């Protein structure tokens, strides 16, 4: 029963609590936003440099994938890229490739 009383007292003290911000909070936040550099014209070259590295790594991954397919399958055709060999239209497991 003591726990219930403690919970009731706690709930009463929470219900009486009225949270508020300090005076001038909104002004300080707006001033901080104005002084923050954020995204500007100076960051545009950084974005291009970052995009260039991401694009180059993507191209390198594609080239490595193509070399892997070529060396494992010995050919560079559409069947090797999709991993489909000895395909016949009568095979029910691969019938979806007809459409």
Protein backbone atom coordinates (compact mmCIF):
# COMPACT_ATOMS: atom_id res chain seq x y z
CA UNK A 1 0.00 0.00 0.00
CA UNK A 2 2.93 2.29 0.65
CA UNK A 3 4.01 2.07 -3.01
CA UNK A 4 0.54 3.15 -4.16
CA UNK A 5 0.69 6.18 -1.85
CA UNK A 6 4.13 7.07 -3.16
CA UNK A 7 2.91 6.80 -6.72
CA UNK A 8 -0.10 8.98 -5.92
CA UNK A 9 2.14 11.62 -4.33
CA UNK A 10 4.47 11.47 -7.31
CA UNK A 11 1.56 11.88 -9.74
CA UNK A 12 0.28 14.89 -7.77
CA UNK A 13 3.69 16.54 -7.79
CA UNK A 14 3.99 15.95 -11.54
CA UNK A 15 0.54 17.34 -12.22
CA UNK A 16 1.49 20.56 -10.41
CA UNK A 17 4.70 20.97 -12.43
CA UNK A 18 4.47 23.58 -15.17
CA UNK A 19 7.57 23.41 -17.42
CA UNK A 20 8.65 26.61 -19.13
CA UNK A 21 11.67 28.02 -20.89
CA UNK A 22 13.89 30.70 -19.45
CA UNK A 23 13.36 34.31 -20.48
CA UNK A 24 15.01 35.12 -23.80
CA UNK A 25 15.19 31.51 -24.94
CA UNK A 26 13.59 32.19 -28.32
CA UNK A 27 15.93 35.15 -28.95
CA UNK A 28 19.01 33.07 -28.12
CA UNK A 29 17.90 30.25 -30.43
CA UNK A 30 17.17 32.61 -33.32
CA UNK A 31 20.51 34.39 -32.82
CA UNK A 32 22.32 31.03 -32.86
CA UNK A 33 20.52 30.04 -36.07
CA UNK A 34 21.49 33.31 -37.73
CA UNK A 35 25.15 32.97 -36.76
CA UNK A 36 25.34 29.28 -37.73
CA UNK A 37 27.10 28.82 -41.07
CA UNK A 38 24.82 26.05 -42.36
CA UNK A 39 24.75 25.36 -46.08
CA UNK A 40 26.18 28.18 -48.10
CA UNK A 41 27.77 28.74 -51.47
CA UNK A 42 31.14 27.80 -49.95
CA UNK A 43 29.97 24.25 -49.25
CA UNK A 44 28.96 23.64 -52.89
CA UNK A 45 32.49 22.60 -54.03
CA UNK A 46 32.67 20.23 -51.04
CA UNK A 47 29.45 18.59 -52.23
CA UNK A 48 30.84 18.17 -55.75
CA UNK A 49 34.02 16.63 -54.38
CA UNK A 50 32.02 14.23 -52.23
CA UNK A 51 29.74 13.33 -55.14
CA UNK A 52 32.76 12.69 -57.35
CA UNK A 53 34.23 10.21 -54.85
CA UNK A 54 30.92 8.41 -54.46
CA UNK A 55 30.42 8.21 -58.23
CA UNK A 56 33.97 6.94 -58.78
CA UNK A 57 33.57 4.26 -56.14
CA UNK A 58 30.29 3.18 -57.78
CA UNK A 59 31.96 2.93 -61.18
CA UNK A 60 34.83 0.96 -59.65
CA UNK A 61 32.34 -1.46 -58.04
CA UNK A 62 30.60 -2.00 -61.39
CA UNK A 63 33.91 -2.65 -63.15
CA UNK A 64 34.96 -5.14 -60.47
CA UNK A 65 31.59 -6.87 -60.82
CA UNK A 66 31.99 -7.14 -64.60
CA UNK A 67 35.52 -8.54 -64.26
CA UNK A 68 34.26 -11.06 -61.71
CA UNK A 69 31.51 -12.23 -64.05
CA UNK A 70 33.94 -12.45 -66.96
CA UNK A 71 36.55 -14.45 -65.07
CA UNK A 72 34.11 -16.83 -63.39
CA UNK A 73 31.92 -17.52 -66.42
CA UNK A 74 34.43 -16.99 -69.21
CA UNK A 75 32.05 -14.79 -71.18
CA UNK A 76 30.58 -11.33 -71.05
CA UNK A 77 27.02 -11.71 -72.32
CA UNK A 78 23.56 -11.10 -70.91
CA UNK A 79 23.18 -14.70 -69.74
CA UNK A 80 26.41 -14.45 -67.76
CA UNK A 81 25.34 -11.16 -66.20
CA UNK A 82 22.00 -12.62 -65.08
CA UNK A 83 23.49 -15.99 -64.16
CA UNK A 84 21.23 -17.89 -66.54
CA UNK A 85 22.88 -20.75 -68.43
CA UNK A 86 21.36 -23.58 -70.44
CA UNK A 87 18.05 -21.78 -70.45
CA UNK A 88 15.17 -23.38 -72.29
CA UNK A 89 11.70 -21.92 -72.58
CA UNK A 90 10.23 -25.24 -71.39
CA UNK A 91 11.81 -25.01 -67.94
CA UNK A 92 8.98 -23.99 -65.56
CA UNK A 93 11.35 -22.53 -62.93
CA UNK A 94 12.64 -20.01 -65.48
CA UNK A 95 9.39 -19.43 -67.38
CA UNK A 96 9.07 -15.92 -65.93
CA UNK A 97 12.04 -14.86 -68.09
CA UNK A 98 9.85 -15.20 -71.18
CA UNK A 99 7.82 -12.15 -70.20
